[in-house]
Amino acid sequence: MKSLLLAGATLMAAGNIAFAQVQGYWVTGNRATGRCDIVTSNPVIDSQVGGNTTFGDGPYRSKDDARLARSTIRSCPPEPPEPEPDKADNRDQ
């Protein structure tokens, strides 16, 4: 009886660990757009069969971690800066 309880507990622990590793963010290279995207599902690398996903890196715990990783991957072009609000519209006339 104890061995069955121990086996069940071990199986549940292994299942929880496997489930925890599936959640997260991945950085993927997209050949069609020439950009690197951040996705929330494990990417399927299909570049050799005519697909557009050339690589996948991750998982990362947060989107900020994935953004930091994207900035360090050489094959990812730098992201353009966020546009600032136009200050010329607020001038007194």
PDB file of N, CA and C in Angstrom:
ATOM      1  N   MET A   1       0.813  -1.188   0.000  1.00  0.00           N
ATOM      2  CA  MET A   1       0.000   0.000   0.000  1.00  0.00           C
ATOM      3  C   MET A   1       0.869   1.269   0.000  1.00  0.00           C
ATOM      4  N   LYS A   2       1.916   1.251   0.800  1.00  0.00           N
ATOM      5  CA  LYS A   2       2.799   2.417   0.851  1.00  0.00           C
ATOM      6  C   LYS A   2       3.495   2.636  -0.488  1.00  0.00           C
ATOM      7  N   SER A   3       3.833   1.545  -1.146  1.00  0.00           N
ATOM      8  CA  SER A   3       4.512   1.688  -2.430  1.00  0.00           C
ATOM      9  C   SER A   3       3.585   2.306  -3.482  1.00  0.00           C
ATOM     10  N   LEU A   4       2.285   1.986  -3.419  1.00  0.00           N
ATOM     11  CA  LEU A   4       1.334   2.587  -4.358  1.00  0.00           C
ATOM     12  C   LEU A   4       1.176   4.082  -4.086  1.00  0.00           C
ATOM     13  N   LEU A   5       1.123   4.474  -2.824  1.00  0.00           N
ATOM     14  CA  LEU A   5       1.031   5.887  -2.488  1.00  0.00           C
ATOM     15  C   LEU A   5       2.284   6.651  -2.934  1.00  0.00           C
ATOM     16  N   LEU A   6       3.430   6.036  -2.721  1.00  0.00           N
ATOM     17  CA  LEU A   6       4.680   6.664  -3.138  1.00  0.00           C
ATOM     18  C   LEU A   6       4.743   6.796  -4.656  1.00  0.00           C
ATOM     19  N   ALA A   7       4.326   5.768  -5.360  1.00  0.00           N
ATOM     20  CA  ALA A   7       4.325   5.814  -6.826  1.00  0.00           C
ATOM     21  C   ALA A   7       3.353   6.881  -7.333  1.00  0.00           C
ATOM     22  N   GLY A   8       2.185   6.992  -6.706  1.00  0.00           N
ATOM     23  CA  GLY A   8       1.205   8.005  -7.100  1.00  0.00           C
ATOM     24  C   GLY A   8       1.717   9.416  -6.852  1.00  0.00           C
ATOM     25  N   ALA A   9       2.348   9.627  -5.713  1.00  0.00           N
ATOM     26  CA  ALA A   9       2.897  10.944  -5.403  1.00  0.00           C
ATOM     27  C   ALA A   9       4.010  11.323  -6.374  1.00  0.00           C
ATOM     28  N   THR A  10       4.853  10.361  -6.724  1.00  0.00           N
ATOM     29  CA  THR A  10       5.930  10.611  -7.677  1.00  0.00           C
ATOM     30  C   THR A  10       5.363  10.956  -9.054  1.00  0.00           C
ATOM     31  N   LEU A  11       4.341  10.249  -9.459  1.00  0.00           N
ATOM     32  CA  LEU A  11       3.709  10.498 -10.753  1.00  0.00           C
ATOM     33  C   LEU A  11       3.071  11.887 -10.795  1.00  0.00           C
ATOM     34  N   MET A  12       2.422  12.291  -9.728  1.00  0.00           N
ATOM     35  CA  MET A  12       1.805  13.621  -9.682  1.00  0.00           C
ATOM     36  C   MET A  12       2.868  14.717  -9.704  1.00  0.00           C
ATOM     37  N   ALA A  13       3.968  14.515  -8.997  1.00  0.00           N
ATOM     38  CA  ALA A  13       5.041  15.510  -8.989  1.00  0.00           C
ATOM     39  C   ALA A  13       5.647  15.657 -10.376  1.00  0.00           C
ATOM     40  N   ALA A  14       5.877  14.547 -11.061  1.00  0.00           N
ATOM     41  CA  ALA A  14       6.441  14.602 -12.411  1.00  0.00           C
ATOM     42  C   ALA A  14       5.475  15.289 -13.375  1.00  0.00           C
ATOM     43  N   GLY A  15       4.187  15.048 -13.225  1.00  0.00           N
ATOM     44  CA  GLY A  15       3.190  15.696 -14.072  1.00  0.00           C
ATOM     45  C   GLY A  15       3.138  17.187 -13.855  1.00  0.00           C
ATOM     46  N   ASN A  16       3.259  17.622 -12.604  1.00  0.00           N
ATOM     47  CA  ASN A  16       3.250  19.053 -12.306  1.00  0.00           C
ATOM     48  C   ASN A  16       4.481  19.741 -12.874  1.00  0.00           C
ATOM     49  N   ILE A  17       5.621  19.099 -12.801  1.00  0.00           N
ATOM     50  CA  ILE A  17       6.850  19.682 -13.347  1.00  0.00           C
ATOM     51  C   ILE A  17       6.734  19.811 -14.866  1.00  0.00           C
ATOM     52  N   ALA A  18       6.220  18.782 -15.526  1.00  0.00           N
ATOM     53  CA  ALA A  18       6.080  18.825 -16.983  1.00  0.00           C
ATOM     54  C   ALA A  18       5.094  19.912 -17.392  1.00  0.00           C
ATOM     55  N   PHE A  19       4.016  20.074 -16.642  1.00  0.00           N
ATOM     56  CA  PHE A  19       3.039  21.109 -16.969  1.00  0.00           C
ATOM     57  C   PHE A  19       3.616  22.492 -16.757  1.00  0.00           C
ATOM     58  N   ALA A  20       4.399  22.672 -15.729  1.00  0.00           N
ATOM     59  CA  ALA A  20       4.981  23.980 -15.438  1.00  0.00           C
ATOM     60  C   ALA A  20       5.956  24.420 -16.521  1.00  0.00           C
ATOM     61  N   GLN A  21       6.617  23.494 -17.173  1.00  0.00           N
ATOM     62  CA  GLN A  21       7.588  23.847 -18.193  1.00  0.00           C
ATOM     63  C   GLN A  21       6.928  24.256 -19.504  1.00  0.00           C
ATOM     64  N   VAL A  22       5.676  23.906 -19.713  1.00  0.00           N
ATOM     65  CA  VAL A  22       4.997  24.228 -20.962  1.00  0.00           C
ATOM     66  C   VAL A  22       4.582  25.695 -21.000  1.00  0.00           C
ATOM     67  N   GLN A  23       4.279  26.292 -19.862  1.00  0.00           N
ATOM     68  CA  GLN A  23       3.828  27.672 -19.829  1.00  0.00           C
ATOM     69  C   GLN A  23       5.009  28.620 -19.934  1.00  0.00           C
ATOM     70  N   GLY A  24       4.827  29.712 -20.636  1.00  0.00           N
ATOM     71  CA  GLY A  24       5.890  30.688 -20.759  1.00  0.00           C
ATOM     72  C   GLY A  24       5.834  31.423 -22.081  1.00  0.00           C
ATOM     73  N   TYR A  25       6.940  32.068 -22.394  1.00  0.00           N
ATOM     74  CA  TYR A  25       7.078  32.846 -23.628  1.00  0.00           C
ATOM     75  C   TYR A  25       8.280  32.331 -24.413  1.00  0.00           C
ATOM     76  N   TRP A  26       8.164  32.297 -25.727  1.00  0.00           N
ATOM     77  CA  TRP A  26       9.242  31.872 -26.611  1.00  0.00           C
ATOM     78  C   TRP A  26       9.547  32.985 -27.599  1.00  0.00           C
ATOM     79  N   VAL A  27      10.807  33.074 -27.998  1.00  0.00           N
ATOM     80  CA  VAL A  27      11.219  33.997 -29.053  1.00  0.00           C
ATOM     81  C   VAL A  27      11.379  33.159 -30.313  1.00  0.00           C
ATOM     82  N   THR A  28      10.706  33.544 -31.391  1.00  0.00           N
ATOM     83  CA  THR A  28      10.773  32.787 -32.637  1.00  0.00           C
ATOM     84  C   THR A  28      11.230  33.685 -33.771  1.00  0.00           C
ATOM     85  N   GLY A  29      11.984  33.115 -34.694  1.00  0.00           N
ATOM     86  CA  GLY A  29      12.406  33.828 -35.893  1.00  0.00           C
ATOM     87  C   GLY A  29      11.416  33.567 -37.009  1.00  0.00           C
ATOM     88  N   ASN A  30      10.956  34.614 -37.665  1.00  0.00           N
ATOM     89  CA  ASN A  30       9.981  34.505 -38.740  1.00  0.00           C
ATOM     90  C   ASN A  30      10.633  34.928 -40.044  1.00  0.00           C
ATOM     91  N   ARG A  31      10.812  33.984 -40.935  1.00  0.00           N
ATOM     92  CA  ARG A  31      11.474  34.250 -42.206  1.00  0.00           C
ATOM     93  C   ARG A  31      10.631  35.149 -43.108  1.00  0.00           C
ATOM     94  N   ALA A  32       9.327  35.034 -43.068  1.00  0.00           N
ATOM     95  CA  ALA A  32       8.455  35.814 -43.956  1.00  0.00           C
ATOM     96  C   ALA A  32       8.512  37.304 -43.633  1.00  0.00           C
ATOM     97  N   THR A  33       8.539  37.650 -42.351  1.00  0.00           N
ATOM     98  CA  THR A  33       8.543  39.060 -41.972  1.00  0.00           C
ATOM     99  C   THR A  33       9.943  39.588 -41.692  1.00  0.00           C
ATOM    100  N   GLY A  34      10.908  38.693 -41.506  1.00  0.00           N
ATOM    101  CA  GLY A  34      12.267  39.109 -41.182  1.00  0.00           C
ATOM    102  C   GLY A  34      12.396  39.630 -39.761  1.00  0.00           C
ATOM    103  N   ARG A  35      11.469  39.259 -38.905  1.00  0.00           N
ATOM    104  CA  ARG A  35      11.461  39.725 -37.524  1.00  0.00           C
ATOM    105  C   ARG A  35      11.490  38.549 -36.564  1.00  0.00           C
ATOM    106  N   CYS A  36      11.676  38.877 -35.300  1.00  0.00           N
ATOM    107  CA  CYS A  36      11.564  37.900 -34.229  1.00  0.00           C
ATOM    108  C   CYS A  36      10.314  38.228 -33.428  1.00  0.00           C
ATOM    109  N   ASP A  37       9.494  37.225 -33.210  1.00  0.00           N
ATOM    110  CA  ASP A  37       8.243  37.415 -32.502  1.00  0.00           C
ATOM    111  C   ASP A  37       8.309  36.738 -31.138  1.00  0.00           C
ATOM    112  N   ILE A  38       7.512  37.224 -30.209  1.00  0.00           N
ATOM    113  CA  ILE A  38       7.364  36.591 -28.902  1.00  0.00           C
ATOM    114  C   ILE A  38       5.996  35.924 -28.900  1.00  0.00           C
ATOM    115  N   VAL A  39       5.982  34.613 -28.669  1.00  0.00           N
ATOM    116  CA  VAL A  39       4.738  33.839 -28.686  1.00  0.00           C
ATOM    117  C   VAL A  39       4.546  33.153 -27.337  1.00  0.00           C
ATOM    118  N   THR A  40       3.317  32.711 -27.076  1.00  0.00           N
ATOM    119  CA  THR A  40       3.004  32.075 -25.803  1.00  0.00           C
ATOM    120  C   THR A  40       2.816  30.570 -25.913  1.00  0.00           C
ATOM    121  N   SER A  41       3.083  30.003 -27.069  1.00  0.00           N
ATOM    122  CA  SER A  41       3.002  28.546 -27.211  1.00  0.00           C
ATOM    123  C   SER A  41       4.319  28.033 -27.781  1.00  0.00           C
ATOM    124  N   ASN A  42       4.627  26.799 -27.465  1.00  0.00           N
ATOM    125  CA  ASN A  42       5.873  26.199 -27.916  1.00  0.00           C
ATOM    126  C   ASN A  42       5.892  26.159 -29.444  1.00  0.00           C
ATOM    127  N   PRO A  43       6.840  26.821 -30.089  1.00  0.00           N
ATOM    128  CA  PRO A  43       6.832  26.906 -31.554  1.00  0.00           C
ATOM    129  C   PRO A  43       7.258  25.598 -32.217  1.00  0.00           C
ATOM    130  N   VAL A  44       6.703  25.377 -33.405  1.00  0.00           N
ATOM    131  CA  VAL A  44       7.104  24.252 -34.241  1.00  0.00           C
ATOM    132  C   VAL A  44       8.075  24.799 -35.278  1.00  0.00           C
ATOM    133  N   ILE A  45       9.300  24.307 -35.252  1.00  0.00           N
ATOM    134  CA  ILE A  45      10.318  24.778 -36.186  1.00  0.00           C
ATOM    135  C   ILE A  45      10.097  24.057 -37.510  1.00  0.00           C
ATOM    136  N   ASP A  46       9.722  24.814 -38.543  1.00  0.00           N
ATOM    137  CA  ASP A  46       9.351  24.195 -39.818  1.00  0.00           C
ATOM    138  C   ASP A  46      10.073  24.801 -41.009  1.00  0.00           C
ATOM    139  N   SER A  47      11.261  25.330 -40.788  1.00  0.00           N
ATOM    140  CA  SER A  47      11.958  26.013 -41.880  1.00  0.00           C
ATOM    141  C   SER A  47      12.443  25.060 -42.962  1.00  0.00           C
ATOM    142  N   GLN A  48      12.664  23.795 -42.625  1.00  0.00           N
ATOM    143  CA  GLN A  48      13.183  22.855 -43.625  1.00  0.00           C
ATOM    144  C   GLN A  48      12.092  22.250 -44.490  1.00  0.00           C
ATOM    145  N   VAL A  49      10.837  22.468 -44.110  1.00  0.00           N
ATOM    146  CA  VAL A  49       9.740  21.938 -44.913  1.00  0.00           C
ATOM    147  C   VAL A  49       8.925  23.056 -45.554  1.00  0.00           C
ATOM    148  N   GLY A  50       9.555  24.215 -45.746  1.00  0.00           N
ATOM    149  CA  GLY A  50       8.897  25.318 -46.430  1.00  0.00           C
ATOM    150  C   GLY A  50       8.164  26.281 -45.518  1.00  0.00           C
ATOM    151  N   GLY A  51       8.304  26.118 -44.212  1.00  0.00           N
ATOM    152  CA  GLY A  51       7.631  27.024 -43.285  1.00  0.00           C
ATOM    153  C   GLY A  51       8.444  28.278 -43.029  1.00  0.00           C
ATOM    154  N   ASN A  52       7.909  29.131 -42.191  1.00  0.00           N
ATOM    155  CA  ASN A  52       8.546  30.415 -41.940  1.00  0.00           C
ATOM    156  C   ASN A  52       9.246  30.506 -40.592  1.00  0.00           C
ATOM    157  N   THR A  53       9.001  29.580 -39.679  1.00  0.00           N
ATOM    158  CA  THR A  53       9.620  29.643 -38.356  1.00  0.00           C
ATOM    159  C   THR A  53      11.009  29.026 -38.435  1.00  0.00           C
ATOM    160  N   THR A  54      12.037  29.852 -38.247  1.00  0.00           N
ATOM    161  CA  THR A  54      13.408  29.379 -38.426  1.00  0.00           C
ATOM    162  C   THR A  54      14.059  28.926 -37.131  1.00  0.00           C
ATOM    163  N   PHE A  55      13.629  29.473 -35.977  1.00  0.00           N
ATOM    164  CA  PHE A  55      14.161  29.023 -34.697  1.00  0.00           C
ATOM    165  C   PHE A  55      13.182  29.389 -33.595  1.00  0.00           C
ATOM    166  N   GLY A  56      13.348  28.745 -32.464  1.00  0.00           N
ATOM    167  CA  GLY A  56      12.566  29.047 -31.271  1.00  0.00           C
ATOM    168  C   GLY A  56      13.467  28.971 -30.064  1.00  0.00           C
ATOM    169  N   ASP A  57      13.389  29.956 -29.196  1.00  0.00           N
ATOM    170  CA  ASP A  57      14.234  30.000 -28.021  1.00  0.00           C
ATOM    171  C   ASP A  57      13.355  30.253 -26.803  1.00  0.00           C
ATOM    172  N   GLY A  58      13.491  29.424 -25.781  1.00  0.00           N
ATOM    173  CA  GLY A  58      12.698  29.618 -24.580  1.00  0.00           C
ATOM    174  C   GLY A  58      12.468  28.299 -23.889  1.00  0.00           C
ATOM    175  N   PRO A  59      11.604  28.228 -22.965  1.00  0.00           N
ATOM    176  CA  PRO A  59      10.634  29.217 -22.524  1.00  0.00           C
ATOM    177  C   PRO A  59      11.227  30.194 -21.523  1.00  0.00           C
ATOM    178  N   TYR A  60      10.607  31.372 -21.474  1.00  0.00           N
ATOM    179  CA  TYR A  60      10.966  32.405 -20.516  1.00  0.00           C
ATOM    180  C   TYR A  60       9.777  32.634 -19.595  1.00  0.00           C
ATOM    181  N   ARG A  61      10.044  33.006 -18.364  1.00  0.00           N
ATOM    182  CA  ARG A  61       8.984  33.148 -17.366  1.00  0.00           C
ATOM    183  C   ARG A  61       8.094  34.364 -17.605  1.00  0.00           C
ATOM    184  N   SER A  62       8.653  35.440 -18.120  1.00  0.00           N
ATOM    185  CA  SER A  62       7.856  36.647 -18.329  1.00  0.00           C
ATOM    186  C   SER A  62       8.131  37.215 -19.723  1.00  0.00           C
ATOM    187  N   LYS A  63       7.246  38.107 -20.142  1.00  0.00           N
ATOM    188  CA  LYS A  63       7.414  38.739 -21.446  1.00  0.00           C
ATOM    189  C   LYS A  63       8.645  39.646 -21.445  1.00  0.00           C
ATOM    190  N   ASP A  64       8.934  40.269 -20.305  1.00  0.00           N
ATOM    191  CA  ASP A  64      10.130  41.107 -20.214  1.00  0.00           C
ATOM    192  C   ASP A  64      11.399  40.273 -20.377  1.00  0.00           C
ATOM    193  N   ASP A  65      11.422  39.054 -19.815  1.00  0.00           N
ATOM    194  CA  ASP A  65      12.570  38.168 -20.004  1.00  0.00           C
ATOM    195  C   ASP A  65      12.733  37.794 -21.473  1.00  0.00           C
ATOM    196  N   ALA A  66      11.613  37.550 -22.156  1.00  0.00           N
ATOM    197  CA  ALA A  66      11.663  37.206 -23.578  1.00  0.00           C
ATOM    198  C   ALA A  66      12.147  38.397 -24.408  1.00  0.00           C
ATOM    199  N   ARG A  67      11.732  39.606 -24.050  1.00  0.00           N
ATOM    200  CA  ARG A  67      12.205  40.801 -24.766  1.00  0.00           C
ATOM    201  C   ARG A  67      13.709  40.985 -24.590  1.00  0.00           C
ATOM    202  N   LEU A  68      14.185  40.764 -23.372  1.00  0.00           N
ATOM    203  CA  LEU A  68      15.619  40.871 -23.115  1.00  0.00           C
ATOM    204  C   LEU A  68      16.374  39.830 -23.926  1.00  0.00           C
ATOM    205  N   ALA A  69      15.859  38.601 -23.978  1.00  0.00           N
ATOM    206  CA  ALA A  69      16.509  37.549 -24.752  1.00  0.00           C
ATOM    207  C   ALA A  69      16.508  37.893 -26.234  1.00  0.00           C
ATOM    208  N   ARG A  70      15.399  38.452 -26.729  1.00  0.00           N
ATOM    209  CA  ARG A  70      15.317  38.824 -28.151  1.00  0.00           C
ATOM    210  C   ARG A  70      16.380  39.857 -28.499  1.00  0.00           C
ATOM    211  N   SER A  71      16.677  40.750 -27.558  1.00  0.00           N
ATOM    212  CA  SER A  71      17.673  41.788 -27.836  1.00  0.00           C
ATOM    213  C   SER A  71      19.090  41.222 -27.876  1.00  0.00           C
ATOM    214  N   THR A  72      19.309  40.026 -27.348  1.00  0.00           N
ATOM    215  CA  THR A  72      20.648  39.435 -27.344  1.00  0.00           C
ATOM    216  C   THR A  72      20.848  38.400 -28.445  1.00  0.00           C
ATOM    217  N   ILE A  73      19.806  38.042 -29.174  1.00  0.00           N
ATOM    218  CA  ILE A  73      19.917  37.052 -30.249  1.00  0.00           C
ATOM    219  C   ILE A  73      20.391  37.763 -31.514  1.00  0.00           C
ATOM    220  N   ARG A  74      21.492  37.304 -32.068  1.00  0.00           N
ATOM    221  CA  ARG A  74      22.107  37.991 -33.221  1.00  0.00           C
ATOM    222  C   ARG A  74      21.231  37.997 -34.459  1.00  0.00           C
ATOM    223  N   SER A  75      20.459  36.955 -34.695  1.00  0.00           N
ATOM    224  CA  SER A  75      19.661  36.902 -35.918  1.00  0.00           C
ATOM    225  C   SER A  75      18.371  37.715 -35.820  1.00  0.00           C
ATOM    226  N   CYS A  76      18.099  38.314 -34.666  1.00  0.00           N
ATOM    227  CA  CYS A  76      16.918  39.167 -34.511  1.00  0.00           C
ATOM    228  C   CYS A  76      17.293  40.618 -34.784  1.00  0.00           C
ATOM    229  N   PRO A  77      16.602  41.279 -35.715  1.00  0.00           N
ATOM    230  CA  PRO A  77      16.887  42.699 -35.941  1.00  0.00           C
ATOM    231  C   PRO A  77      16.412  43.505 -34.734  1.00  0.00           C
ATOM    232  N   PRO A  78      17.018  44.653 -34.481  1.00  0.00           N
ATOM    233  CA  PRO A  78      16.572  45.475 -33.349  1.00  0.00           C
ATOM    234  C   PRO A  78      15.147  45.963 -33.569  1.00  0.00           C
ATOM    235  N   GLU A  79      14.398  46.011 -32.489  1.00  0.00           N
ATOM    236  CA  GLU A  79      13.025  46.498 -32.574  1.00  0.00           C
ATOM    237  C   GLU A  79      13.041  48.013 -32.723  1.00  0.00           C
ATOM    238  N   PRO A  80      12.172  48.565 -33.566  1.00  0.00           N
ATOM    239  CA  PRO A  80      12.122  50.025 -33.700  1.00  0.00           C
ATOM    240  C   PRO A  80      11.617  50.642 -32.397  1.00  0.00           C
ATOM    241  N   PRO A  81      12.093  51.850 -32.064  1.00  0.00           N
ATOM    242  CA  PRO A  81      11.623  52.480 -30.823  1.00  0.00           C
ATOM    243  C   PRO A  81      10.151  52.853 -30.923  1.00  0.00           C
ATOM    244  N   GLU A  82       9.522  52.935 -29.756  1.00  0.00           N
ATOM    245  CA  GLU A  82       8.112  53.333 -29.706  1.00  0.00           C
ATOM    246  C   GLU A  82       7.985  54.784 -30.170  1.00  0.00           C
ATOM    247  N   PRO A  83       6.999  55.098 -30.996  1.00  0.00           N
ATOM    248  CA  PRO A  83       6.848  56.487 -31.439  1.00  0.00           C
ATOM    249  C   PRO A  83       6.407  57.363 -30.269  1.00  0.00           C
ATOM    250  N   GLU A  84       7.030  58.542 -30.165  1.00  0.00           N
ATOM    251  CA  GLU A  84       6.674  59.473 -29.110  1.00  0.00           C
ATOM    252  C   GLU A  84       5.515  60.338 -29.575  1.00  0.00           C
ATOM    253  N   PRO A  85       4.699  60.798 -28.645  1.00  0.00           N
ATOM    254  CA  PRO A  85       3.589  61.672 -29.054  1.00  0.00           C
ATOM    255  C   PRO A  85       4.131  62.948 -29.690  1.00  0.00           C
ATOM    256  N   ASP A  86       3.441  63.414 -30.686  1.00  0.00           N
ATOM    257  CA  ASP A  86       3.878  64.610 -31.414  1.00  0.00           C
ATOM    258  C   ASP A  86       3.678  65.845 -30.546  1.00  0.00           C
ATOM    259  N   LYS A  87       4.754  66.515 -30.214  1.00  0.00           N
ATOM    260  CA  LYS A  87       4.691  67.696 -29.357  1.00  0.00           C
ATOM    261  C   LYS A  87       4.302  68.944 -30.136  1.00  0.00           C
ATOM    262  N   ALA A  88       4.382  68.913 -31.446  1.00  0.00           N
ATOM    263  CA  ALA A  88       4.059  70.082 -32.267  1.00  0.00           C
ATOM    264  C   ALA A  88       2.566  70.402 -32.229  1.00  0.00           C
ATOM    265  N   ASP A  89       1.731  69.420 -31.959  1.00  0.00           N
ATOM    266  CA  ASP A  89       0.276  69.641 -31.933  1.00  0.00           C
ATOM    267  C   ASP A  89      -0.163  70.436 -30.717  1.00  0.00           C
ATOM    268  N   ASN A  90       0.651  70.514 -29.676  1.00  0.00           N
ATOM    269  CA  ASN A  90       0.258  71.171 -28.440  1.00  0.00           C
ATOM    270  C   ASN A  90       0.793  72.600 -28.339  1.00  0.00           C
ATOM    271  N   ARG A  91       1.283  73.170 -29.434  1.00  0.00           N
ATOM    272  CA  ARG A  91       1.830  74.534 -29.418  1.00  0.00           C
ATOM    273  C   ARG A  91       0.705  75.561 -29.346  1.00  0.00           C
ATOM    274  N   ASP A  92       1.023  76.672 -28.673  1.00  0.00           N
ATOM    275  CA  ASP A  92       0.082  77.802 -28.683  1.00  0.00           C
ATOM    276  C   ASP A  92       0.210  78.544 -29.995  1.00  0.00           C
ATOM    277  N   GLN A  93      -0.880  79.007 -30.517  1.00  0.00           N
ATOM    278  CA  GLN A  93      -0.830  79.674 -31.817  1.00  0.00           C
ATOM    279  C   GLN A  93      -1.131  81.123 -31.714  1.00  0.00           C
TER     280      GLN A  93
END
